[in-house]
Amino acid sequence: MTRIIATTLAATAIVLVLACGTSEPVESPPSPSPLAAELPTAAPTEEPATPTSEPAATATSPPDSTPTTVAVATSLPADTPTPAGYDSNAAMYDIFPAFSLVPSDLDEILDEVVAENDQSLVPFLVEILRFMPSSRSYELIGQALRDLTGQDFASEDWDAWMDWAGQNSDKYEPPSEYATWKSGMYAAIDPRIAQFIRPAKEFSRIDLTEVVWGGVRTDGIPDIRNPRSLTPAEADYMEPGDRVFGVHINGESRAYPLRIVNAHEMVNDTLGGEPISLMW
């Protein structure tokens, strides 16, 4: 029986071999490339990972593309900061962040201001000129002003710069945060000065660029408050050539003698039913 089974199996094998040998070679399917197609049945000894992983990478990006190339095309390297646009308010704080403080790179900041032709910083630069702590910073601010305005005043001639700025204030509007910067700077001298300046941006009709520190703290010089008025006949101490400040409001007139106001610099009074402040 065993011999019959073996003979039968051998005959079957010969038939199968002959059947395979009779097929035309051109009809056999070509061997699939590991990069082009999937194998329908993988032999136990073959590794299917290669044909399944490589096509995915090839299909999603060109062979020569790398993550580094894409990153360079869309953004600057991590160690290169993105350049920020020029801002007048930022430049103002960079140049003079606090009272009597100037940065070590003041020359570079001013070079950028001049390169941008930032006219809004002209009144600001005039104001801080008197507070420069060194001859170098004086000269840097003065040169920036000459470059921006075309004027030729000396760097240390703050009076000349201030007079010129007052006559041309309508041409040079300061940055939007000027009032905030100014109140912060003067707060270092006297916090009460800052209280006067903070609401000025909203309520004052005075050009803030013309408001400067007189050199004393708040109430360091006593003001004249609601002075008693005299008739011309009673004011016999007045000389014919004396100068006065004449004020007329709502049908009421008053003259404030300069030689009296000069020592106090300010008069707070009521005239024509309106509170007034006279400054000298």
C-alpha atoms as a PDB file:
ATOM      1  CA  MET A   1       0.000   0.000   0.000  1.00  0.00           C
ATOM      2  CA  THR A   2       2.781   2.396   0.882  1.00  0.00           C
ATOM      3  CA  ARG A   3       4.470   1.786  -2.447  1.00  0.00           C
ATOM      4  CA  ILE A   4       1.188   2.497  -4.293  1.00  0.00           C
ATOM      5  CA  ILE A   5       0.718   5.854  -2.458  1.00  0.00           C
ATOM      6  CA  ALA A   6       4.288   6.900  -3.171  1.00  0.00           C
ATOM      7  CA  THR A   7       3.946   5.967  -6.805  1.00  0.00           C
ATOM      8  CA  THR A   8       0.713   7.940  -7.042  1.00  0.00           C
ATOM      9  CA  LEU A   9       2.278  11.064  -5.442  1.00  0.00           C
ATOM     10  CA  ALA A  10       5.272  10.850  -7.744  1.00  0.00           C
ATOM     11  CA  ALA A  11       3.043  10.625 -10.769  1.00  0.00           C
ATOM     12  CA  THR A  12       1.048  13.622  -9.596  1.00  0.00           C
ATOM     13  CA  ALA A  13       4.226  15.643  -9.134  1.00  0.00           C
ATOM     14  CA  ILE A  14       5.397  14.747 -12.633  1.00  0.00           C
ATOM     15  CA  VAL A  15       2.060  15.891 -14.060  1.00  0.00           C
ATOM     16  CA  LEU A  16       2.319  19.219 -12.213  1.00  0.00           C
ATOM     17  CA  VAL A  17       5.867  19.767 -13.402  1.00  0.00           C
ATOM     18  CA  LEU A  18       4.898  18.972 -16.948  1.00  0.00           C
ATOM     19  CA  ALA A  19       1.917  21.342 -16.699  1.00  0.00           C
ATOM     20  CA  CYS A  20       4.116  24.195 -15.542  1.00  0.00           C
ATOM     21  CA  GLY A  21       6.690  23.463 -18.173  1.00  0.00           C
ATOM     22  CA  THR A  22       4.185  23.688 -20.992  1.00  0.00           C
ATOM     23  CA  SER A  23       3.249  27.374 -20.243  1.00  0.00           C
ATOM     24  CA  GLU A  24       4.621  30.032 -22.601  1.00  0.00           C
ATOM     25  CA  PRO A  25       7.238  32.303 -20.900  1.00  0.00           C
ATOM     26  CA  VAL A  26       5.590  35.474 -22.210  1.00  0.00           C
ATOM     27  CA  GLU A  27       2.340  34.650 -20.423  1.00  0.00           C
ATOM     28  CA  SER A  28       3.955  34.585 -17.007  1.00  0.00           C
ATOM     29  CA  PRO A  29       3.397  37.845 -15.054  1.00  0.00           C
ATOM     30  CA  PRO A  30       6.569  39.897 -14.686  1.00  0.00           C
ATOM     31  CA  SER A  31       8.261  39.938 -11.340  1.00  0.00           C
ATOM     32  CA  PRO A  32       6.954  42.993  -9.520  1.00  0.00           C
ATOM     33  CA  SER A  33       9.464  45.705  -8.680  1.00  0.00           C
ATOM     34  CA  PRO A  34       9.662  46.358  -4.928  1.00  0.00           C
ATOM     35  CA  LEU A  35       9.156  50.110  -5.649  1.00  0.00           C
ATOM     36  CA  ALA A  36       6.303  49.779  -8.140  1.00  0.00           C
ATOM     37  CA  ALA A  37       3.701  47.309  -6.882  1.00  0.00           C
ATOM     38  CA  GLU A  38       2.586  45.238  -3.973  1.00  0.00           C
ATOM     39  CA  LEU A  39       3.239  41.510  -3.821  1.00  0.00           C
ATOM     40  CA  PRO A  40      -0.043  39.557  -3.707  1.00  0.00           C
ATOM     41  CA  THR A  41       1.410  36.876  -1.491  1.00  0.00           C
ATOM     42  CA  ALA A  42       4.677  37.384   0.275  1.00  0.00           C
ATOM     43  CA  ALA A  43       6.873  34.422   1.025  1.00  0.00           C
ATOM     44  CA  PRO A  44       7.771  33.940   4.682  1.00  0.00           C
ATOM     45  CA  THR A  45      11.390  34.761   3.950  1.00  0.00           C
ATOM     46  CA  GLU A  46      10.655  38.084   2.203  1.00  0.00           C
ATOM     47  CA  GLU A  47      10.390  41.409   4.046  1.00  0.00           C
ATOM     48  CA  PRO A  48       7.335  43.408   2.902  1.00  0.00           C
ATOM     49  CA  ALA A  49       8.454  46.570   4.763  1.00  0.00           C
ATOM     50  CA  THR A  50      10.607  47.796   1.907  1.00  0.00           C
ATOM     51  CA  PRO A  51       7.931  47.851  -0.825  1.00  0.00           C
ATOM     52  CA  THR A  52       5.284  49.386   1.483  1.00  0.00           C
ATOM     53  CA  SER A  53       7.348  52.220   3.010  1.00  0.00           C
ATOM     54  CA  GLU A  54       9.381  53.568   0.094  1.00  0.00           C
ATOM     55  CA  PRO A  55       6.454  54.252  -2.296  1.00  0.00           C
ATOM     56  CA  ALA A  56       4.732  56.391   0.364  1.00  0.00           C
ATOM     57  CA  ALA A  57       7.782  58.623   0.716  1.00  0.00           C
ATOM     58  CA  THR A  58       8.206  58.848  -3.054  1.00  0.00           C
ATOM     59  CA  ALA A  59       4.561  59.766  -3.621  1.00  0.00           C
ATOM     60  CA  THR A  60       4.422  62.644  -1.090  1.00  0.00           C
ATOM     61  CA  SER A  61       7.567  64.642  -2.008  1.00  0.00           C
ATOM     62  CA  PRO A  62      10.258  64.830  -4.701  1.00  0.00           C
ATOM     63  CA  PRO A  63      13.249  62.540  -4.099  1.00  0.00           C
ATOM     64  CA  ASP A  64      15.598  65.448  -3.493  1.00  0.00           C
ATOM     65  CA  SER A  65      13.361  67.461  -1.153  1.00  0.00           C
ATOM     66  CA  THR A  66      14.209  67.532   2.521  1.00  0.00           C
ATOM     67  CA  PRO A  67      12.567  69.155   5.595  1.00  0.00           C
ATOM     68  CA  THR A  68      15.506  71.565   5.778  1.00  0.00           C
ATOM     69  CA  THR A  69      14.879  72.832   2.255  1.00  0.00           C
ATOM     70  CA  VAL A  70      11.196  73.477   2.996  1.00  0.00           C
ATOM     71  CA  ALA A  71      12.033  75.342   6.213  1.00  0.00           C
ATOM     72  CA  VAL A  72      14.489  77.646   4.475  1.00  0.00           C
ATOM     73  CA  ALA A  73      11.922  78.446   1.809  1.00  0.00           C
ATOM     74  CA  THR A  74       9.242  79.535   4.285  1.00  0.00           C
ATOM     75  CA  SER A  75      11.055  81.242   7.182  1.00  0.00           C
ATOM     76  CA  LEU A  76      14.351  82.596   8.414  1.00  0.00           C
ATOM     77  CA  PRO A  77      16.683  80.324  10.410  1.00  0.00           C
ATOM     78  CA  ALA A  78      15.905  80.073  14.093  1.00  0.00           C
ATOM     79  CA  ASP A  79      18.928  82.170  15.101  1.00  0.00           C
ATOM     80  CA  THR A  80      18.009  85.059  12.754  1.00  0.00           C
ATOM     81  CA  PRO A  81      15.304  87.358  14.227  1.00  0.00           C
ATOM     82  CA  THR A  82      12.531  88.517  11.948  1.00  0.00           C
ATOM     83  CA  PRO A  83      13.146  92.239  11.315  1.00  0.00           C
ATOM     84  CA  ALA A  84      10.439  94.413  12.835  1.00  0.00           C
ATOM     85  CA  GLY A  85       9.057  97.473  11.099  1.00  0.00           C
ATOM     86  CA  TYR A  86      10.173 100.926  12.215  1.00  0.00           C
ATOM     87  CA  ASP A  87       7.960 102.493  14.879  1.00  0.00           C
ATOM     88  CA  SER A  88       8.184 106.131  16.044  1.00  0.00           C
ATOM     89  CA  ASN A  89       6.875 105.389  19.530  1.00  0.00           C
ATOM     90  CA  ALA A  90       9.384 102.581  20.042  1.00  0.00           C
ATOM     91  CA  ALA A  91      12.213 104.800  18.814  1.00  0.00           C
ATOM     92  CA  MET A  92      11.142 107.540  21.244  1.00  0.00           C
ATOM     93  CA  TYR A  93      11.348 105.193  24.234  1.00  0.00           C
ATOM     94  CA  ASP A  94      14.609 103.650  22.995  1.00  0.00           C
ATOM     95  CA  ILE A  95      16.308 107.047  22.722  1.00  0.00           C
ATOM     96  CA  PHE A  96      15.259 108.391  26.130  1.00  0.00           C
ATOM     97  CA  PRO A  97      13.617 105.659  28.248  1.00  0.00           C
ATOM     98  CA  ALA A  98      13.784 107.644  31.494  1.00  0.00           C
ATOM     99  CA  PHE A  99      15.021 110.929  32.912  1.00  0.00           C
ATOM    100  CA  SER A 100      18.757 111.446  32.245  1.00  0.00           C
ATOM    101  CA  LEU A 101      19.182 107.930  30.816  1.00  0.00           C
ATOM    102  CA  VAL A 102      20.465 107.286  27.299  1.00  0.00           C
ATOM    103  CA  PRO A 103      21.276 103.909  25.702  1.00  0.00           C
ATOM    104  CA  SER A 104      24.803 102.877  24.773  1.00  0.00           C
ATOM    105  CA  ASP A 105      23.721 102.427  21.136  1.00  0.00           C
ATOM    106  CA  LEU A 106      22.209 105.919  20.893  1.00  0.00           C
ATOM    107  CA  ASP A 107      24.152 106.644  17.711  1.00  0.00           C
ATOM    108  CA  GLU A 108      22.719 103.572  15.943  1.00  0.00           C
ATOM    109  CA  ILE A 109      19.145 104.394  16.971  1.00  0.00           C
ATOM    110  CA  LEU A 110      19.499 107.992  15.767  1.00  0.00           C
ATOM    111  CA  ASP A 111      21.011 106.799  12.478  1.00  0.00           C
ATOM    112  CA  GLU A 112      17.846 104.763  11.900  1.00  0.00           C
ATOM    113  CA  VAL A 113      15.633 107.743  12.803  1.00  0.00           C
ATOM    114  CA  VAL A 114      17.454 109.904  10.260  1.00  0.00           C
ATOM    115  CA  ALA A 115      17.390 107.129   7.642  1.00  0.00           C
ATOM    116  CA  GLU A 116      13.611 106.890   8.105  1.00  0.00           C
ATOM    117  CA  ASN A 117      13.366 110.714   8.003  1.00  0.00           C
ATOM    118  CA  ASP A 118      11.089 110.537  11.048  1.00  0.00           C
ATOM    119  CA  GLN A 119       9.915 114.148  11.353  1.00  0.00           C
ATOM    120  CA  SER A 120       7.582 113.283  14.254  1.00  0.00           C
ATOM    121  CA  LEU A 121      10.583 112.938  16.576  1.00  0.00           C
ATOM    122  CA  VAL A 122      11.814 116.508  15.988  1.00  0.00           C
ATOM    123  CA  PRO A 123       9.902 118.119  18.927  1.00  0.00           C
ATOM    124  CA  PHE A 124      10.815 115.168  21.128  1.00  0.00           C
ATOM    125  CA  LEU A 125      14.524 115.496  20.319  1.00  0.00           C
ATOM    126  CA  VAL A 126      14.411 119.244  20.970  1.00  0.00           C
ATOM    127  CA  GLU A 127      12.811 118.636  24.363  1.00  0.00           C
ATOM    128  CA  ILE A 128      15.326 116.052  25.571  1.00  0.00           C
ATOM    129  CA  LEU A 129      18.337 117.994  24.298  1.00  0.00           C
ATOM    130  CA  ARG A 130      18.584 119.943  27.555  1.00  0.00           C
ATOM    131  CA  PHE A 131      18.614 116.721  29.600  1.00  0.00           C
ATOM    132  CA  MET A 132      21.544 115.009  27.864  1.00  0.00           C
ATOM    133  CA  PRO A 133      24.039 113.743  30.460  1.00  0.00           C
ATOM    134  CA  SER A 134      27.203 114.025  28.326  1.00  0.00           C
ATOM    135  CA  SER A 135      28.747 116.102  25.557  1.00  0.00           C
ATOM    136  CA  ARG A 136      28.670 113.033  23.286  1.00  0.00           C
ATOM    137  CA  SER A 137      24.918 112.569  23.664  1.00  0.00           C
ATOM    138  CA  TYR A 138      24.420 116.330  23.212  1.00  0.00           C
ATOM    139  CA  GLU A 139      26.255 116.183  19.904  1.00  0.00           C
ATOM    140  CA  LEU A 140      24.442 113.040  18.701  1.00  0.00           C
ATOM    141  CA  ILE A 141      21.001 114.556  19.369  1.00  0.00           C
ATOM    142  CA  GLY A 142      22.032 117.899  17.871  1.00  0.00           C
ATOM    143  CA  GLN A 143      23.377 116.272  14.716  1.00  0.00           C
ATOM    144  CA  ALA A 144      20.193 114.228  14.291  1.00  0.00           C
ATOM    145  CA  LEU A 145      18.157 117.435  14.572  1.00  0.00           C
ATOM    146  CA  ARG A 146      20.314 119.175  11.975  1.00  0.00           C
ATOM    147  CA  ASP A 147      19.953 116.213   9.620  1.00  0.00           C
ATOM    148  CA  LEU A 148      16.168 116.052  10.046  1.00  0.00           C
ATOM    149  CA  THR A 149      15.398 119.778   9.905  1.00  0.00           C
ATOM    150  CA  GLY A 150      18.156 121.384   7.866  1.00  0.00           C
ATOM    151  CA  GLN A 151      18.747 123.921  10.660  1.00  0.00           C
ATOM    152  CA  ASP A 152      22.288 124.670  11.830  1.00  0.00           C
ATOM    153  CA  PHE A 153      21.885 125.574  15.513  1.00  0.00           C
ATOM    154  CA  ALA A 154      24.626 124.361  17.831  1.00  0.00           C
ATOM    155  CA  SER A 155      23.880 121.145  19.696  1.00  0.00           C
ATOM    156  CA  GLU A 156      24.075 122.846  23.091  1.00  0.00           C
ATOM    157  CA  ASP A 157      21.928 125.850  22.076  1.00  0.00           C
ATOM    158  CA  TRP A 158      18.653 124.524  23.464  1.00  0.00           C
ATOM    159  CA  ASP A 159      17.042 127.995  23.578  1.00  0.00           C
ATOM    160  CA  ALA A 160      17.540 128.466  19.833  1.00  0.00           C
ATOM    161  CA  TRP A 161      16.174 125.009  19.059  1.00  0.00           C
ATOM    162  CA  MET A 162      13.175 125.564  21.344  1.00  0.00           C
ATOM    163  CA  ASP A 163      12.321 128.959  19.828  1.00  0.00           C
ATOM    164  CA  TRP A 164      12.523 127.496  16.327  1.00  0.00           C
ATOM    165  CA  ALA A 165      10.411 124.463  17.288  1.00  0.00           C
ATOM    166  CA  GLY A 166       7.728 126.710  18.786  1.00  0.00           C
ATOM    167  CA  GLN A 167       7.488 128.716  15.574  1.00  0.00           C
ATOM    168  CA  ASN A 168       7.191 125.533  13.479  1.00  0.00           C
ATOM    169  CA  SER A 169       5.200 123.251  15.781  1.00  0.00           C
ATOM    170  CA  ASP A 170       2.401 122.844  13.221  1.00  0.00           C
ATOM    171  CA  LYS A 171       4.842 121.040  10.903  1.00  0.00           C
ATOM    172  CA  TYR A 172       6.020 118.466  13.430  1.00  0.00           C
ATOM    173  CA  GLU A 173       3.350 116.417  15.187  1.00  0.00           C
ATOM    174  CA  PRO A 174       4.893 114.150  17.856  1.00  0.00           C
ATOM    175  CA  PRO A 175       4.283 110.373  18.054  1.00  0.00           C
ATOM    176  CA  SER A 176       0.915 109.144  19.320  1.00  0.00           C
ATOM    177  CA  GLU A 177       2.329 108.099  22.723  1.00  0.00           C
ATOM    178  CA  TYR A 178       4.161 111.380  23.316  1.00  0.00           C
ATOM    179  CA  ALA A 179       1.897 112.498  26.203  1.00  0.00           C
ATOM    180  CA  THR A 180       2.337 109.136  27.953  1.00  0.00           C
ATOM    181  CA  TRP A 181       6.102 109.247  27.504  1.00  0.00           C
ATOM    182  CA  LYS A 182       6.255 112.854  28.724  1.00  0.00           C
ATOM    183  CA  SER A 183       4.245 112.204  31.890  1.00  0.00           C
ATOM    184  CA  GLY A 184       6.471 109.238  32.698  1.00  0.00           C
ATOM    185  CA  MET A 185       9.662 111.226  32.208  1.00  0.00           C
ATOM    186  CA  TYR A 186       8.559 114.136  34.395  1.00  0.00           C
ATOM    187  CA  ALA A 187       7.233 111.747  37.044  1.00  0.00           C
ATOM    188  CA  ALA A 188      10.885 110.984  37.796  1.00  0.00           C
ATOM    189  CA  ILE A 189      11.298 114.646  38.786  1.00  0.00           C
ATOM    190  CA  ASP A 190       8.004 115.011  40.638  1.00  0.00           C
ATOM    191  CA  PRO A 191       5.037 112.595  40.444  1.00  0.00           C
ATOM    192  CA  ARG A 192       2.652 115.560  40.675  1.00  0.00           C
ATOM    193  CA  ILE A 193       3.909 116.921  37.357  1.00  0.00           C
ATOM    194  CA  ALA A 194       2.792 113.683  35.723  1.00  0.00           C
ATOM    195  CA  GLN A 195      -0.712 114.229  37.116  1.00  0.00           C
ATOM    196  CA  PHE A 196      -0.945 117.481  35.155  1.00  0.00           C
ATOM    197  CA  ILE A 197       0.234 115.931  31.896  1.00  0.00           C
ATOM    198  CA  ARG A 198      -1.621 112.599  31.792  1.00  0.00           C
ATOM    199  CA  PRO A 199      -5.107 114.011  31.055  1.00  0.00           C
ATOM    200  CA  ALA A 200      -3.739 116.691  28.724  1.00  0.00           C
ATOM    201  CA  LYS A 201      -3.927 114.490  25.638  1.00  0.00           C
ATOM    202  CA  GLU A 202      -7.707 114.348  26.008  1.00  0.00           C
ATOM    203  CA  PHE A 203      -8.633 117.689  27.520  1.00  0.00           C
ATOM    204  CA  SER A 204      -5.904 120.277  26.928  1.00  0.00           C
ATOM    205  CA  ARG A 205      -5.939 122.718  24.023  1.00  0.00           C
ATOM    206  CA  ILE A 206      -2.307 123.592  24.712  1.00  0.00           C
ATOM    207  CA  ASP A 207       0.403 122.158  22.476  1.00  0.00           C
ATOM    208  CA  LEU A 208       2.173 119.731  24.813  1.00  0.00           C
ATOM    209  CA  THR A 209       5.459 120.142  22.964  1.00  0.00           C
ATOM    210  CA  GLU A 210       5.586 123.710  24.314  1.00  0.00           C
ATOM    211  CA  VAL A 211       5.130 122.582  27.929  1.00  0.00           C
ATOM    212  CA  VAL A 212       8.580 122.257  29.481  1.00  0.00           C
ATOM    213  CA  TRP A 213       9.937 121.956  32.979  1.00  0.00           C
ATOM    214  CA  GLY A 214      10.863 125.274  34.598  1.00  0.00           C
ATOM    215  CA  GLY A 215      13.486 123.761  36.880  1.00  0.00           C
ATOM    216  CA  VAL A 216      11.531 123.524  40.150  1.00  0.00           C
ATOM    217  CA  ARG A 217       9.181 120.986  41.674  1.00  0.00           C
ATOM    218  CA  THR A 218       5.438 121.470  41.915  1.00  0.00           C
ATOM    219  CA  ASP A 219       4.606 124.535  44.059  1.00  0.00           C
ATOM    220  CA  GLY A 220       8.313 125.240  44.400  1.00  0.00           C
ATOM    221  CA  ILE A 221       7.405 128.816  43.415  1.00  0.00           C
ATOM    222  CA  PRO A 222       4.184 130.021  45.109  1.00  0.00           C
ATOM    223  CA  ASP A 223       1.515 131.076  42.632  1.00  0.00           C
ATOM    224  CA  ILE A 224      -0.807 134.078  43.003  1.00  0.00           C
ATOM    225  CA  ARG A 225      -4.309 132.866  43.824  1.00  0.00           C
ATOM    226  CA  ASN A 226      -7.415 135.017  43.478  1.00  0.00           C
ATOM    227  CA  PRO A 227      -5.602 138.334  44.058  1.00  0.00           C
ATOM    228  CA  ARG A 228      -7.478 141.384  45.321  1.00  0.00           C
ATOM    229  CA  SER A 229      -8.127 143.836  42.500  1.00  0.00           C
ATOM    230  CA  LEU A 230      -7.453 147.582  42.649  1.00  0.00           C
ATOM    231  CA  THR A 231      -8.893 150.399  40.599  1.00  0.00           C
ATOM    232  CA  PRO A 232      -6.449 152.421  38.459  1.00  0.00           C
ATOM    233  CA  ALA A 233      -6.655 155.224  40.999  1.00  0.00           C
ATOM    234  CA  GLU A 234      -5.765 152.869  43.862  1.00  0.00           C
ATOM    235  CA  ALA A 235      -2.794 151.355  42.028  1.00  0.00           C
ATOM    236  CA  ASP A 236      -0.583 154.373  42.682  1.00  0.00           C
ATOM    237  CA  TYR A 237       2.513 152.196  42.885  1.00  0.00           C
ATOM    238  CA  MET A 238       2.316 151.635  39.115  1.00  0.00           C
ATOM    239  CA  GLU A 239       4.594 153.642  36.815  1.00  0.00           C
ATOM    240  CA  PRO A 240       3.363 154.882  33.409  1.00  0.00           C
ATOM    241  CA  GLY A 241       5.791 152.602  31.580  1.00  0.00           C
ATOM    242  CA  ASP A 242       5.062 149.422  33.561  1.00  0.00           C
ATOM    243  CA  ARG A 243       4.029 146.442  31.468  1.00  0.00           C
ATOM    244  CA  VAL A 244       0.885 144.473  32.288  1.00  0.00           C
ATOM    245  CA  PHE A 245      -0.924 141.342  31.080  1.00  0.00           C
ATOM    246  CA  GLY A 246      -4.336 142.520  29.899  1.00  0.00           C
ATOM    247  CA  VAL A 247      -7.130 139.929  29.957  1.00  0.00           C
ATOM    248  CA  HIS A 248     -10.758 140.402  28.855  1.00  0.00           C
ATOM    249  CA  ILE A 249     -13.333 137.614  29.330  1.00  0.00           C
ATOM    250  CA  ASN A 250     -17.139 137.821  29.168  1.00  0.00           C
ATOM    251  CA  GLY A 251     -17.202 141.610  29.457  1.00  0.00           C
ATOM    252  CA  GLU A 252     -14.807 141.803  32.411  1.00  0.00           C
ATOM    253  CA  SER A 253     -11.253 143.134  32.094  1.00  0.00           C
ATOM    254  CA  ARG A 254      -8.211 142.975  34.340  1.00  0.00           C
ATOM    255  CA  ALA A 255      -4.545 143.970  34.146  1.00  0.00           C
ATOM    256  CA  TYR A 256      -1.883 141.859  35.901  1.00  0.00           C
ATOM    257  CA  PRO A 257       1.373 143.831  36.431  1.00  0.00           C
ATOM    258  CA  LEU A 258       4.400 142.025  35.022  1.00  0.00           C
ATOM    259  CA  ARG A 259       6.693 143.064  37.857  1.00  0.00           C
ATOM    260  CA  ILE A 260       4.403 141.269  40.321  1.00  0.00           C
ATOM    261  CA  VAL A 261       3.600 138.227  38.183  1.00  0.00           C
ATOM    262  CA  ASN A 262       7.279 137.797  37.270  1.00  0.00           C
ATOM    263  CA  ALA A 263       8.259 136.604  40.744  1.00  0.00           C
ATOM    264  CA  HIS A 264       5.433 134.036  40.912  1.00  0.00           C
ATOM    265  CA  GLU A 265       5.249 132.933  37.259  1.00  0.00           C
ATOM    266  CA  MET A 266       1.589 131.924  37.598  1.00  0.00           C
ATOM    267  CA  VAL A 267      -1.714 133.521  38.524  1.00  0.00           C
ATOM    268  CA  ASN A 268      -4.863 131.494  39.254  1.00  0.00           C
ATOM    269  CA  ASP A 269      -7.915 133.726  39.206  1.00  0.00           C
ATOM    270  CA  THR A 270     -11.573 134.015  38.162  1.00  0.00           C
ATOM    271  CA  LEU A 271     -12.531 136.504  35.459  1.00  0.00           C
ATOM    272  CA  GLY A 272     -15.886 136.925  33.759  1.00  0.00           C
ATOM    273  CA  GLY A 273     -17.166 133.943  35.688  1.00  0.00           C
ATOM    274  CA  GLU A 274     -14.446 131.684  34.250  1.00  0.00           C
ATOM    275  CA  PRO A 275     -11.478 130.151  36.103  1.00  0.00           C
ATOM    276  CA  ILE A 276      -8.228 131.175  34.420  1.00  0.00           C
ATOM    277  CA  SER A 277      -4.530 130.417  34.782  1.00  0.00           C
ATOM    278  CA  LEU A 278      -2.027 133.017  33.623  1.00  0.00           C
ATOM    279  CA  MET A 279       1.513 131.713  33.149  1.00  0.00           C
ATOM    280  CA  TRP A 280       4.692 133.688  32.609  1.00  0.00           C
END
